[in-house]
Amino acid sequence: MARPKGALNKRPAIPRVLLTDAMAKLAVAVGSGEPWAVQAVIDRWMPKLKPVTPEDSIDARVLEARIFELVEMEQRIAALESKSDDK
């Protein structure tokens, strides 16, 4: 939802010197391999993966085909086991 026209931003502005200092410290932390810093950069740079695949995507079709294969295989194994039990 957008802010109404003319409304002021309620978040206080962060002074540029603090932002510059924070970015410099983050760069040093990433450079020294700090896991929290690397994770912070990755989280900001790449969006989080969604746990749900859209129904109309190629991934969803692949998953449906794989599930179908597994169900069919399970049914075939059950049929073979019932035949061997009858003997």
N, C-alpha and C. Protein backbone atom coordinates (compact mmCIF):
# COMPACT_ATOMS: atom_id res chain seq x y z
N MET A 1 0.84 -1.17 0.00
CA MET A 1 0.00 0.00 0.00
C MET A 1 0.89 1.23 0.00
N ALA A 2 0.64 2.13 -0.90
CA ALA A 2 1.45 3.34 -1.03
C ALA A 2 1.05 4.38 -0.01
N ARG A 3 1.99 5.24 0.26
CA ARG A 3 1.73 6.37 1.15
C ARG A 3 0.86 7.38 0.45
N PRO A 4 -0.08 8.01 1.17
CA PRO A 4 -0.89 9.05 0.53
C PRO A 4 -0.01 10.21 0.07
N LYS A 5 -0.46 10.88 -0.97
CA LYS A 5 0.31 12.01 -1.51
C LYS A 5 0.48 13.08 -0.43
N GLY A 6 1.70 13.52 -0.27
CA GLY A 6 1.99 14.58 0.70
C GLY A 6 2.34 14.06 2.08
N ALA A 7 2.18 12.77 2.34
CA ALA A 7 2.52 12.22 3.66
C ALA A 7 4.04 12.15 3.80
N LEU A 8 4.50 12.37 5.00
CA LEU A 8 5.94 12.35 5.26
C LEU A 8 6.40 10.93 5.61
N ASN A 9 7.65 10.66 5.28
CA ASN A 9 8.25 9.39 5.64
C ASN A 9 8.47 9.39 7.15
N LYS A 10 7.92 8.39 7.85
CA LYS A 10 8.01 8.38 9.31
C LYS A 10 9.33 7.81 9.82
N ARG A 11 10.08 7.15 8.93
CA ARG A 11 11.38 6.63 9.36
C ARG A 11 12.40 7.77 9.34
N PRO A 12 13.19 7.88 10.39
CA PRO A 12 14.20 8.94 10.38
C PRO A 12 15.30 8.62 9.36
N ALA A 13 15.83 9.63 8.74
CA ALA A 13 16.91 9.45 7.76
C ALA A 13 18.19 9.07 8.49
N ILE A 14 18.91 8.10 7.93
CA ILE A 14 20.19 7.70 8.50
C ILE A 14 21.27 8.57 7.87
N PRO A 15 22.08 9.20 8.71
CA PRO A 15 23.14 10.07 8.16
C PRO A 15 24.06 9.29 7.21
N ARG A 16 24.44 9.92 6.11
CA ARG A 16 25.26 9.28 5.09
C ARG A 16 26.58 8.76 5.67
N VAL A 17 27.15 9.48 6.62
CA VAL A 17 28.43 9.05 7.20
C VAL A 17 28.27 7.71 7.92
N LEU A 18 27.11 7.47 8.57
CA LEU A 18 26.88 6.20 9.23
C LEU A 18 26.71 5.07 8.22
N LEU A 19 26.01 5.36 7.13
CA LEU A 19 25.85 4.35 6.09
C LEU A 19 27.19 3.99 5.46
N THR A 20 28.00 5.00 5.19
CA THR A 20 29.32 4.76 4.61
C THR A 20 30.18 3.94 5.55
N ASP A 21 30.14 4.26 6.82
CA ASP A 21 30.91 3.53 7.83
C ASP A 21 30.43 2.08 7.94
N ALA A 22 29.11 1.89 7.93
CA ALA A 22 28.56 0.54 8.02
C ALA A 22 28.95 -0.29 6.81
N MET A 23 28.91 0.29 5.62
CA MET A 23 29.29 -0.44 4.41
C MET A 23 30.77 -0.80 4.43
N ALA A 24 31.60 0.11 4.94
CA ALA A 24 33.04 -0.17 5.02
C ALA A 24 33.30 -1.33 5.99
N LYS A 25 32.60 -1.32 7.14
CA LYS A 25 32.78 -2.40 8.11
C LYS A 25 32.26 -3.73 7.56
N LEU A 26 31.17 -3.68 6.83
CA LEU A 26 30.64 -4.89 6.21
C LEU A 26 31.63 -5.44 5.19
N ALA A 27 32.22 -4.55 4.40
CA ALA A 27 33.20 -4.98 3.40
C ALA A 27 34.41 -5.65 4.07
N VAL A 28 34.86 -5.10 5.18
CA VAL A 28 35.98 -5.69 5.90
C VAL A 28 35.59 -7.06 6.45
N ALA A 29 34.38 -7.17 7.01
CA ALA A 29 33.91 -8.44 7.57
C ALA A 29 33.78 -9.50 6.48
N VAL A 30 33.26 -9.13 5.33
CA VAL A 30 33.14 -10.08 4.21
C VAL A 30 34.52 -10.48 3.74
N GLY A 31 35.42 -9.52 3.65
CA GLY A 31 36.78 -9.80 3.23
C GLY A 31 37.51 -10.75 4.15
N SER A 32 37.20 -10.70 5.44
CA SER A 32 37.86 -11.61 6.39
C SER A 32 37.08 -12.90 6.58
N GLY A 33 36.01 -13.07 5.80
CA GLY A 33 35.28 -14.34 5.82
C GLY A 33 34.32 -14.53 6.97
N GLU A 34 33.85 -13.47 7.55
CA GLU A 34 32.88 -13.58 8.64
C GLU A 34 31.57 -14.16 8.09
N PRO A 35 31.12 -15.31 8.60
CA PRO A 35 29.92 -15.94 8.05
C PRO A 35 28.67 -15.05 8.10
N TRP A 36 28.49 -14.30 9.18
CA TRP A 36 27.30 -13.45 9.30
C TRP A 36 27.29 -12.37 8.22
N ALA A 37 28.48 -11.85 7.90
CA ALA A 37 28.57 -10.78 6.90
C ALA A 37 28.30 -11.33 5.49
N VAL A 38 28.89 -12.48 5.21
CA VAL A 38 28.66 -13.11 3.91
C VAL A 38 27.18 -13.43 3.74
N GLN A 39 26.56 -13.98 4.79
CA GLN A 39 25.14 -14.31 4.73
C GLN A 39 24.28 -13.06 4.55
N ALA A 40 24.66 -11.96 5.21
CA ALA A 40 23.90 -10.72 5.07
C ALA A 40 23.95 -10.20 3.64
N VAL A 41 25.11 -10.29 3.01
CA VAL A 41 25.24 -9.83 1.63
C VAL A 41 24.43 -10.73 0.69
N ILE A 42 24.53 -12.05 0.88
CA ILE A 42 23.79 -12.99 0.04
C ILE A 42 22.29 -12.78 0.21
N ASP A 43 21.83 -12.63 1.45
CA ASP A 43 20.40 -12.42 1.70
C ASP A 43 19.88 -11.16 1.02
N ARG A 44 20.69 -10.15 0.96
CA ARG A 44 20.27 -8.89 0.34
C ARG A 44 20.35 -8.96 -1.18
N TRP A 45 21.33 -9.72 -1.69
CA TRP A 45 21.57 -9.77 -3.12
C TRP A 45 20.65 -10.74 -3.85
N MET A 46 20.39 -11.89 -3.22
CA MET A 46 19.56 -12.91 -3.86
C MET A 46 18.26 -13.07 -3.08
N PRO A 47 17.12 -13.13 -3.77
CA PRO A 47 15.87 -13.33 -3.05
C PRO A 47 15.79 -14.73 -2.46
N LYS A 48 15.06 -14.86 -1.38
CA LYS A 48 14.86 -16.17 -0.75
C LYS A 48 14.08 -17.07 -1.70
N LEU A 49 14.39 -18.34 -1.67
CA LEU A 49 13.66 -19.30 -2.49
C LEU A 49 12.28 -19.52 -1.90
N LYS A 50 11.31 -19.64 -2.77
CA LYS A 50 9.95 -19.88 -2.32
C LYS A 50 9.74 -21.39 -2.20
N PRO A 51 9.08 -21.83 -1.14
CA PRO A 51 8.88 -23.26 -0.96
C PRO A 51 7.82 -23.85 -1.87
N VAL A 52 7.04 -23.02 -2.53
CA VAL A 52 5.95 -23.50 -3.37
C VAL A 52 6.28 -23.23 -4.83
N THR A 53 6.15 -24.25 -5.65
CA THR A 53 6.38 -24.11 -7.08
C THR A 53 5.06 -23.72 -7.74
N PRO A 54 5.07 -22.66 -8.57
CA PRO A 54 3.83 -22.28 -9.26
C PRO A 54 3.29 -23.42 -10.11
N GLU A 55 1.97 -23.57 -10.13
CA GLU A 55 1.34 -24.69 -10.81
C GLU A 55 1.62 -24.72 -12.30
N ASP A 56 1.76 -23.59 -12.93
CA ASP A 56 1.92 -23.56 -14.38
C ASP A 56 3.38 -23.53 -14.84
N SER A 57 4.32 -23.80 -13.93
CA SER A 57 5.73 -23.74 -14.29
C SER A 57 6.23 -25.09 -14.80
N ILE A 58 7.38 -25.04 -15.45
CA ILE A 58 8.01 -26.27 -15.94
C ILE A 58 8.42 -27.13 -14.75
N ASP A 59 8.89 -26.51 -13.68
CA ASP A 59 9.28 -27.26 -12.48
C ASP A 59 8.11 -28.07 -11.93
N ALA A 60 6.92 -27.49 -11.94
CA ALA A 60 5.74 -28.19 -11.44
C ALA A 60 5.43 -29.40 -12.32
N ARG A 61 5.59 -29.25 -13.62
CA ARG A 61 5.34 -30.37 -14.53
C ARG A 61 6.35 -31.49 -14.30
N VAL A 62 7.60 -31.13 -14.08
CA VAL A 62 8.63 -32.13 -13.81
C VAL A 62 8.32 -32.86 -12.51
N LEU A 63 7.93 -32.11 -11.49
CA LEU A 63 7.59 -32.74 -10.21
C LEU A 63 6.39 -33.67 -10.35
N GLU A 64 5.38 -33.25 -11.09
CA GLU A 64 4.21 -34.10 -11.30
C GLU A 64 4.59 -35.39 -12.03
N ALA A 65 5.45 -35.28 -13.03
CA ALA A 65 5.89 -36.47 -13.77
C ALA A 65 6.67 -37.41 -12.86
N ARG A 66 7.51 -36.86 -12.03
CA ARG A 66 8.31 -37.69 -11.11
C ARG A 66 7.40 -38.38 -10.09
N ILE A 67 6.44 -37.66 -9.57
CA ILE A 67 5.50 -38.26 -8.62
C ILE A 67 4.71 -39.38 -9.29
N PHE A 68 4.29 -39.14 -10.53
CA PHE A 68 3.56 -40.17 -11.27
C PHE A 68 4.43 -41.41 -11.44
N GLU A 69 5.70 -41.22 -11.79
CA GLU A 69 6.62 -42.35 -11.95
C GLU A 69 6.74 -43.14 -10.65
N LEU A 70 6.87 -42.44 -9.55
CA LEU A 70 7.03 -43.11 -8.26
C LEU A 70 5.78 -43.88 -7.86
N VAL A 71 4.62 -43.29 -8.09
CA VAL A 71 3.36 -43.97 -7.76
C VAL A 71 3.19 -45.20 -8.63
N GLU A 72 3.49 -45.07 -9.92
CA GLU A 72 3.38 -46.21 -10.83
C GLU A 72 4.35 -47.32 -10.42
N MET A 73 5.57 -46.95 -10.04
CA MET A 73 6.54 -47.95 -9.61
C MET A 73 6.06 -48.66 -8.34
N GLU A 74 5.51 -47.89 -7.42
CA GLU A 74 4.99 -48.49 -6.18
C GLU A 74 3.87 -49.48 -6.49
N GLN A 75 2.99 -49.14 -7.42
CA GLN A 75 1.90 -50.04 -7.79
C GLN A 75 2.44 -51.31 -8.45
N ARG A 76 3.44 -51.18 -9.30
CA ARG A 76 4.04 -52.35 -9.95
C ARG A 76 4.70 -53.27 -8.94
N ILE A 77 5.41 -52.68 -7.99
CA ILE A 77 6.06 -53.49 -6.95
C ILE A 77 5.02 -54.21 -6.11
N ALA A 78 3.95 -53.51 -5.75
CA ALA A 78 2.88 -54.13 -4.97
C ALA A 78 2.26 -55.30 -5.74
N ALA A 79 2.06 -55.14 -7.04
CA ALA A 79 1.49 -56.21 -7.87
C ALA A 79 2.44 -57.40 -7.92
N LEU A 80 3.73 -57.15 -8.09
CA LEU A 80 4.70 -58.23 -8.11
C LEU A 80 4.76 -58.96 -6.78
N GLU A 81 4.71 -58.21 -5.68
CA GLU A 81 4.74 -58.83 -4.35
C GLU A 81 3.50 -59.67 -4.12
N SER A 82 2.34 -59.21 -4.58
CA SER A 82 1.12 -60.01 -4.38
C SER A 82 1.17 -61.28 -5.23
N LYS A 83 1.77 -61.21 -6.42
CA LYS A 83 1.92 -62.42 -7.25
C LYS A 83 2.85 -63.43 -6.58
N SER A 84 3.94 -62.92 -5.98
CA SER A 84 4.88 -63.84 -5.35
C SER A 84 4.31 -64.44 -4.06
N ASP A 85 3.41 -63.70 -3.40
CA ASP A 85 2.75 -64.21 -2.19
C ASP A 85 1.76 -65.33 -2.54
N ASP A 86 1.17 -65.25 -3.74
CA ASP A 86 0.19 -66.26 -4.17
C ASP A 86 0.86 -67.58 -4.49
N LYS A 87 2.12 -67.59 -4.83
CA LYS A 87 2.80 -68.83 -5.23
C LYS A 87 3.19 -69.67 -4.06
